Amino acid sequence: FVEMGPRKSERNIKTSIFKRIILENQNIWGIKDSSGDLIRFENYKRAAAHKPGTVVFNGDESRMVFCSDVVPSFANLDPETCRILYNECLDFEAGRKFNIQSYINDSGRIIYCDGKKRTRGLMFALSILGLCGETTYEPSDELTQAERTEIKGFIEQNYSSN
C-alpha cells in the first residue's frame, strides 16, 4: 500500500501513474488516499478496477458520508460512532448520517487541533481514556496547554462514561 495525503504532497501521484504501477507490479494491491480530493479518490477507484482485487481506501474521515471505503483515524477514539455512520450510509438515511458526520467533523476539529496536530491530538485523547501513551512517531508540534485543556474537556464531556 502507498499512502497519499496532504502532508505527503510529494507522494501524490497521477491516476495514470497509479494505474501503471498496479498493473506492472504484482505486489502492489492498493492505495490509501488522504488528500481529501474526492475526484482523485474516484479516479483511483476507476484505475484500480483494471486490476481485480486492488483496493482504494479514503483516509479523509470528514467525508465518510460520501464513501464506504474509509480508514478513519477517529475510529481509534470512537469506533461505535464510525460503525453507526457506516451502517447509516448503507441505509441511505440522509438526515441521521449527516448529523453523525457533523459530529465526527466537529470532534475532529477539537481532537486534531483543526487538522494541524492530527496524530498528537488523537494520541493525547486516547491517553486520557487510558488506551495508550502520548508518544507519537510522526513529527508534530507539541500541544499547547490550551489545546490540551480543550481536548481533555471534550473527552471528559463525551467519553468519560465509556
Protein backbone atom coordinates (compact mmCIF):
# COMPACT_ATOMS: atom_id res chain seq x y z
CA PHE A 1 0.00 0.00 0.00
CA VAL A 2 1.02 3.56 -0.66
CA GLU A 3 -0.49 6.31 1.49
CA MET A 4 -1.36 9.57 -0.22
CA GLY A 5 -2.26 12.72 1.63
CA PRO A 6 -1.90 16.45 2.08
CA ARG A 7 1.10 16.13 4.40
CA LYS A 8 2.68 13.79 1.92
CA SER A 9 2.17 16.03 -1.11
CA GLU A 10 5.42 14.90 -2.63
CA ARG A 11 3.87 11.42 -2.81
CA ASN A 12 0.67 12.42 -4.61
CA ILE A 13 0.67 10.62 -7.93
CA LYS A 14 -1.35 10.97 -11.08
CA THR A 15 -4.05 8.39 -11.68
CA SER A 16 -2.35 7.21 -14.87
CA ILE A 17 0.86 6.51 -12.94
CA PHE A 18 -1.05 4.68 -10.18
CA LYS A 19 -2.74 2.52 -12.82
CA ARG A 20 0.60 1.71 -14.47
CA ILE A 21 2.21 0.89 -11.10
CA ILE A 22 -0.51 -1.55 -10.05
CA LEU A 23 -0.57 -3.25 -13.43
CA GLU A 24 3.21 -3.60 -13.63
CA ASN A 25 3.80 -4.68 -10.01
CA GLN A 26 2.33 -7.90 -8.68
CA ASN A 27 2.99 -6.90 -5.05
CA ILE A 28 1.00 -3.63 -5.05
CA TRP A 29 -2.69 -4.13 -4.35
CA GLY A 30 -3.97 -0.85 -3.04
CA ILE A 31 -3.68 2.77 -2.10
CA LYS A 32 -4.88 4.96 0.78
CA ASP A 33 -5.69 8.48 -0.35
CA SER A 34 -5.83 11.02 2.48
CA SER A 35 -5.76 14.06 0.21
CA GLY A 36 -9.44 14.94 0.74
CA ASP A 37 -9.89 15.18 -3.03
CA LEU A 38 -12.95 13.05 -3.85
CA ILE A 39 -12.35 13.34 -7.58
CA ARG A 40 -8.84 11.90 -7.16
CA PHE A 41 -10.28 9.15 -4.94
CA GLU A 42 -12.86 8.21 -7.59
CA ASN A 43 -10.17 8.28 -10.29
CA TYR A 44 -8.00 5.92 -8.23
CA LYS A 45 -11.00 3.58 -7.87
CA ARG A 46 -11.53 3.58 -11.64
CA ALA A 47 -7.83 2.84 -12.19
CA ALA A 48 -7.91 0.05 -9.60
CA ALA A 49 -10.76 -1.63 -11.46
CA HIS A 50 -8.21 -2.60 -14.15
CA LYS A 51 -6.56 -5.00 -11.68
CA PRO A 52 -9.19 -7.12 -9.87
CA GLY A 53 -8.61 -7.30 -6.13
CA THR A 54 -6.97 -3.88 -5.90
CA VAL A 55 -8.43 -1.70 -3.14
CA VAL A 56 -8.60 2.05 -2.75
CA PHE A 57 -9.20 3.45 0.73
CA ASN A 58 -10.15 7.01 1.57
CA GLY A 59 -8.22 8.36 4.55
CA ASP A 60 -10.34 11.50 4.95
CA GLU A 61 -12.91 10.74 7.63
CA SER A 62 -14.53 14.15 7.22
CA ARG A 63 -16.13 12.73 4.08
CA MET A 64 -17.15 9.31 5.38
CA VAL A 65 -20.74 10.07 4.48
CA PHE A 66 -19.81 10.05 0.79
CA CYS A 67 -17.90 6.77 0.54
CA SER A 68 -17.74 3.44 2.30
CA ASP A 69 -14.04 2.70 1.77
CA VAL A 70 -12.75 4.91 4.59
CA VAL A 71 -9.98 4.26 7.08
CA PRO A 72 -10.91 6.80 9.79
CA SER A 73 -8.36 7.59 12.49
CA PHE A 74 -11.32 8.82 14.58
CA ALA A 75 -12.38 5.16 14.90
CA ASN A 76 -9.48 4.71 17.33
CA LEU A 77 -11.33 7.03 19.70
CA ASP A 78 -14.94 6.26 18.81
CA PRO A 79 -15.34 3.08 16.76
CA GLU A 80 -19.05 2.85 17.60
CA THR A 81 -19.91 6.22 16.04
CA CYS A 82 -17.90 5.34 12.93
CA ARG A 83 -19.69 1.98 12.69
CA ILE A 84 -23.09 3.67 13.07
CA LEU A 85 -22.23 6.16 10.31
CA TYR A 86 -21.06 3.35 8.04
CA ASN A 87 -24.34 1.48 8.60
CA GLU A 88 -26.39 4.66 8.08
CA CYS A 89 -24.61 5.29 4.78
CA LEU A 90 -25.59 1.81 3.65
CA ASP A 91 -29.22 2.55 4.55
CA PHE A 92 -29.23 5.98 2.84
CA GLU A 93 -30.93 7.82 5.72
CA ALA A 94 -29.68 11.27 4.85
CA GLY A 95 -30.69 13.28 7.93
CA ARG A 96 -29.16 10.98 10.51
CA LYS A 97 -25.99 10.21 8.58
CA PHE A 98 -25.22 13.91 8.03
CA ASN A 99 -25.76 14.59 11.75
CA ILE A 100 -23.29 11.83 12.63
CA GLN A 101 -20.82 13.10 10.03
CA SER A 102 -21.11 16.60 11.53
CA TYR A 103 -20.36 15.19 14.99
CA ILE A 104 -17.25 13.43 13.66
CA ASN A 105 -16.10 16.59 11.85
CA ASP A 106 -16.73 18.83 14.90
CA SER A 107 -14.97 16.34 17.15
CA GLY A 108 -12.06 16.17 14.74
CA ARG A 109 -11.60 19.94 14.83
CA ILE A 110 -11.01 19.63 18.58
CA ILE A 111 -9.08 16.36 18.69
CA TYR A 112 -6.91 17.15 15.67
CA CYS A 113 -6.42 20.82 16.60
CA ASP A 114 -8.03 21.97 13.34
CA GLY A 115 -6.04 19.36 11.43
CA LYS A 116 -2.65 20.75 12.41
CA LYS A 117 -1.80 18.13 15.04
CA ARG A 118 -3.80 15.08 14.00
CA THR A 119 -1.62 12.35 15.48
CA ARG A 120 -0.51 14.28 18.56
CA GLY A 121 -4.08 15.31 19.47
CA LEU A 122 -5.52 11.85 18.89
CA MET A 123 -2.81 10.19 20.98
CA PHE A 124 -3.44 12.65 23.82
CA ALA A 125 -7.20 11.97 23.67
CA LEU A 126 -6.60 8.21 23.74
CA SER A 127 -4.16 8.58 26.64
CA ILE A 128 -6.82 10.41 28.69
CA LEU A 129 -9.00 7.32 28.27
CA GLY A 130 -6.09 5.09 29.31
CA LEU A 131 -5.92 3.41 25.89
CA CYS A 132 -2.30 4.29 25.12
CA GLY A 133 0.51 6.68 25.92
CA GLU A 134 1.05 10.07 24.31
CA THR A 135 4.16 9.11 22.33
CA THR A 136 3.91 9.61 18.58
CA TYR A 137 6.34 8.52 15.92
CA GLU A 138 5.24 11.14 13.44
CA PRO A 139 6.94 14.51 13.85
CA SER A 140 4.44 17.02 15.15
CA ASP A 141 4.39 20.20 17.19
CA GLU A 142 3.67 19.73 20.86
CA LEU A 143 0.15 20.50 22.02
CA THR A 144 -0.29 23.86 23.70
CA GLN A 145 -1.84 23.99 27.15
CA ALA A 146 -5.00 25.47 25.61
CA GLU A 147 -5.23 22.57 23.12
CA ARG A 148 -4.67 20.02 25.89
CA THR A 149 -7.38 21.64 28.01
CA GLU A 150 -9.86 21.71 25.12
CA ILE A 151 -9.20 18.06 24.20
CA LYS A 152 -9.41 16.95 27.83
CA GLY A 153 -12.71 18.79 28.31
CA PHE A 154 -14.12 17.25 25.14
CA ILE A 155 -13.10 13.74 26.19
CA GLU A 156 -14.48 14.16 29.71
CA GLN A 157 -17.76 15.55 28.37
CA ASN A 158 -18.29 12.95 25.65
CA TYR A 159 -16.43 9.79 26.68
CA SER A 160 -15.96 9.78 30.45
CA SER A 161 -18.65 7.13 30.99
CA ASN A 162 -17.36 4.86 28.18
